[in-house]
N, C-alpha and C. Protein backbone atom coordinates (compact mmCIF):
# COMPACT_ATOMS: atom_id res chain seq x y z
N MET A 1 55.21 100.87 33.91
CA MET A 1 56.41 101.42 34.35
C MET A 1 57.59 100.50 33.90
N ALA A 2 58.75 100.96 33.61
CA ALA A 2 59.99 100.15 33.07
C ALA A 2 60.53 99.42 34.18
N GLU A 3 61.05 98.27 33.79
CA GLU A 3 61.60 97.40 34.88
C GLU A 3 62.76 98.08 35.45
N VAL A 4 63.09 97.86 36.83
CA VAL A 4 64.25 98.42 37.55
C VAL A 4 65.39 97.48 37.14
N PRO A 5 66.62 98.05 36.68
CA PRO A 5 67.75 97.16 36.35
C PRO A 5 68.29 96.29 37.85
N GLU A 6 68.76 95.18 37.50
CA GLU A 6 69.15 94.30 38.61
C GLU A 6 69.91 94.92 39.85
N HIS A 7 71.10 95.72 39.18
CA HIS A 7 72.01 96.34 40.22
C HIS A 7 71.38 97.27 41.03
N ARG A 8 70.30 98.09 40.30
CA ARG A 8 69.60 99.11 41.18
C ARG A 8 68.64 98.37 42.05
N ARG A 9 68.09 97.40 41.70
CA ARG A 9 67.11 96.55 42.55
C ARG A 9 67.81 96.22 43.76
N MET A 10 68.95 95.66 43.64
CA MET A 10 69.78 95.12 44.83
C MET A 10 70.33 96.28 45.60
N THR A 11 70.66 97.38 45.22
CA THR A 11 71.02 98.65 45.99
C THR A 11 69.71 99.08 46.79
N VAL A 12 68.69 99.21 46.01
CA VAL A 12 67.35 99.58 46.79
C VAL A 12 67.21 98.57 47.87
N GLU A 13 67.21 97.33 47.73
CA GLU A 13 67.09 96.33 48.68
C GLU A 13 67.92 96.49 49.92
N ARG A 14 69.20 96.69 49.50
CA ARG A 14 70.20 97.09 50.61
C ARG A 14 69.98 98.24 51.51
N MET A 15 69.75 99.21 50.90
CA MET A 15 68.95 100.58 51.54
C MET A 15 67.91 100.26 52.41
N ARG A 16 66.94 99.53 51.90
CA ARG A 16 65.78 99.30 52.53
C ARG A 16 66.05 98.36 53.90
N ALA A 17 66.96 97.49 53.77
CA ALA A 17 67.42 96.58 54.96
C ALA A 17 67.98 97.53 55.95
N HIS A 18 68.95 98.36 55.69
CA HIS A 18 69.46 99.22 56.57
C HIS A 18 68.40 100.25 57.06
N LEU A 19 67.65 100.69 56.35
CA LEU A 19 66.49 101.67 56.96
C LEU A 19 65.51 100.88 58.04
N ALA A 20 65.30 99.63 57.46
CA ALA A 20 64.41 98.84 58.41
C ALA A 20 65.09 98.59 59.63
N ARG A 21 66.46 98.40 59.78
CA ARG A 21 67.03 98.17 61.00
C ARG A 21 67.10 99.48 61.75
N ALA A 22 67.39 100.65 61.03
CA ALA A 22 67.27 101.85 61.66
C ALA A 22 65.90 102.15 62.36
N GLU A 23 64.82 101.88 61.64
CA GLU A 23 63.50 101.96 62.38
C GLU A 23 63.32 101.22 63.59
N SER A 24 63.87 99.90 63.50
CA SER A 24 63.83 99.01 64.73
C SER A 24 64.48 99.59 65.80
N GLU A 25 65.71 100.00 65.65
CA GLU A 25 66.71 100.58 66.63
C GLU A 25 65.95 101.85 67.28
N LEU A 26 65.43 102.73 66.43
CA LEU A 26 64.58 103.86 66.88
C LEU A 26 63.59 103.51 67.65
N GLU A 27 62.76 102.62 67.18
CA GLU A 27 61.55 102.20 68.01
C GLU A 27 62.04 101.54 69.34
N ALA A 28 63.06 100.88 69.34
CA ALA A 28 63.53 100.33 70.75
C ALA A 28 64.03 101.52 71.69
N THR A 29 64.50 102.46 70.96
CA THR A 29 65.05 103.70 71.77
C THR A 29 63.88 104.42 72.30
N GLN A 30 62.98 104.51 71.72
CA GLN A 30 61.72 105.25 72.07
C GLN A 30 61.12 104.45 73.34
N ARG A 31 61.29 103.22 73.55
CA ARG A 31 60.73 102.47 74.69
C ARG A 31 61.57 103.05 75.91
N PHE A 32 62.66 103.39 75.95
CA PHE A 32 63.50 103.73 76.88
C PHE A 32 63.13 105.27 77.41
N LEU A 33 62.48 105.99 76.57
CA LEU A 33 62.34 107.61 76.86
C LEU A 33 60.87 107.73 77.66
N ASP A 34 60.93 108.69 78.52
CA ASP A 34 59.56 108.88 79.05
C ASP A 34 59.51 110.48 78.92
N PRO A 35 58.77 110.98 77.81
CA PRO A 35 58.73 112.44 77.69
C PRO A 35 57.87 113.03 78.65
N LYS A 36 57.05 112.34 79.45
CA LYS A 36 56.16 112.85 80.51
C LYS A 36 56.98 112.98 81.88
N ALA A 37 58.22 112.66 81.87
CA ALA A 37 58.97 112.56 83.08
C ALA A 37 59.28 114.09 83.55
N GLY A 38 59.25 114.91 82.80
CA GLY A 38 59.43 116.45 83.15
C GLY A 38 60.78 116.96 83.10
N ASP A 39 61.72 116.00 82.37
CA ASP A 39 63.13 116.26 82.28
C ASP A 39 63.11 117.05 80.65
N PRO A 40 63.50 118.28 80.62
CA PRO A 40 63.51 118.91 79.13
C PRO A 40 64.45 118.32 78.12
N ALA A 41 65.52 117.77 78.86
CA ALA A 41 66.44 117.05 77.85
C ALA A 41 65.92 115.96 77.36
N GLU A 42 65.18 115.09 78.09
CA GLU A 42 64.60 113.83 77.71
C GLU A 42 63.45 114.04 76.73
N LEU A 43 62.79 115.17 76.76
CA LEU A 43 61.71 115.58 76.06
C LEU A 43 62.23 115.79 74.67
N ASP A 44 63.45 116.65 74.66
CA ASP A 44 64.16 116.98 73.41
C ASP A 44 64.76 115.64 72.71
N VAL A 45 65.14 114.81 73.46
CA VAL A 45 65.56 113.60 72.69
C VAL A 45 64.53 112.65 72.34
N ALA A 46 63.16 112.65 72.89
CA ALA A 46 62.13 112.03 72.49
C ALA A 46 61.60 112.59 71.19
N ARG A 47 61.69 113.90 71.13
CA ARG A 47 61.25 114.56 69.85
C ARG A 47 62.20 114.25 68.79
N ALA A 48 63.48 114.33 69.04
CA ALA A 48 64.39 113.98 68.02
C ALA A 48 64.41 112.68 67.49
N VAL A 49 63.99 111.67 68.29
CA VAL A 49 63.80 110.28 68.02
C VAL A 49 62.60 110.14 67.05
N ALA A 50 61.57 110.82 67.62
CA ALA A 50 60.24 110.66 66.72
C ALA A 50 60.44 111.13 65.42
N ASN A 51 61.12 112.27 65.33
CA ASN A 51 61.53 113.16 63.97
C ASN A 51 62.41 112.02 63.02
N ALA A 52 63.37 111.52 63.67
CA ALA A 52 64.12 110.53 63.06
C ALA A 52 63.47 109.22 62.52
N ARG A 53 62.51 108.96 63.24
CA ARG A 53 61.56 107.77 62.82
C ARG A 53 60.61 108.08 61.52
N LEU A 54 60.09 109.38 61.58
CA LEU A 54 59.43 110.01 60.67
C LEU A 54 60.31 110.23 59.25
N SER A 55 61.47 110.54 59.52
CA SER A 55 62.44 110.55 58.39
C SER A 55 62.83 109.23 57.73
N VAL A 56 62.88 108.20 58.54
CA VAL A 56 63.26 106.94 58.05
C VAL A 56 62.02 106.42 57.27
N SER A 57 60.76 106.67 57.86
CA SER A 57 59.50 106.09 57.25
C SER A 57 59.55 106.88 55.79
N ASP A 58 59.89 108.21 55.76
CA ASP A 58 59.81 108.83 54.57
C ASP A 58 60.80 108.24 53.32
N ALA A 59 61.92 107.91 53.96
CA ALA A 59 62.96 107.24 53.10
C ALA A 59 62.51 106.02 52.61
N LEU A 60 61.79 105.12 53.51
CA LEU A 60 61.34 103.83 53.14
C LEU A 60 60.32 104.04 52.00
N GLU A 61 59.40 105.12 52.11
CA GLU A 61 58.43 105.19 51.09
C GLU A 61 59.07 105.70 49.87
N THR A 62 60.10 106.52 49.82
CA THR A 62 60.70 107.05 48.76
C THR A 62 61.38 105.81 47.99
N LEU A 63 61.99 104.85 48.75
CA LEU A 63 62.56 103.80 48.08
C LEU A 63 61.43 102.78 47.43
N ARG A 64 60.36 102.71 47.89
CA ARG A 64 59.02 101.98 47.34
C ARG A 64 58.80 102.57 46.14
N LEU A 65 58.79 103.88 46.10
CA LEU A 65 58.41 104.56 44.87
C LEU A 65 59.42 104.28 43.70
N VAL A 66 60.80 104.41 44.08
CA VAL A 66 61.90 104.28 43.32
C VAL A 66 61.81 102.88 42.66
N ALA A 67 61.60 101.92 43.52
CA ALA A 67 61.29 100.56 43.01
C ALA A 67 60.15 100.22 42.35
N GLY A 68 59.16 101.21 41.99
CA GLY A 68 58.09 101.17 41.25
C GLY A 68 56.88 100.24 42.05
N GLU A 69 57.05 99.99 43.35
CA GLU A 69 56.07 99.25 43.96
C GLU A 69 54.73 100.14 44.10
N PRO A 70 53.73 99.33 44.05
CA PRO A 70 52.37 99.98 44.42
C PRO A 70 52.38 100.70 45.80
N GLY A 71 51.33 101.43 45.91
CA GLY A 71 51.18 102.11 47.25
C GLY A 71 50.84 101.36 48.36
N GLY A 72 51.20 101.67 49.64
CA GLY A 72 51.01 100.76 50.59
C GLY A 72 50.59 101.47 51.80
């Protein structure tokens, strides 16, 4: 595979850092939620946060592919 240009690599690394922070913040948010509490609003928030974590994970995987890194 062709080598990734330096400016592109740096951009990918910055995006990866932001997404990693987002993942960490979403994980911390999940610790405050109790989807078994019976509150429909809290259940909705818990689902939204779980979906956001999945989206961040997908974005991180896409960046890995863009950077030409091997599967993980």
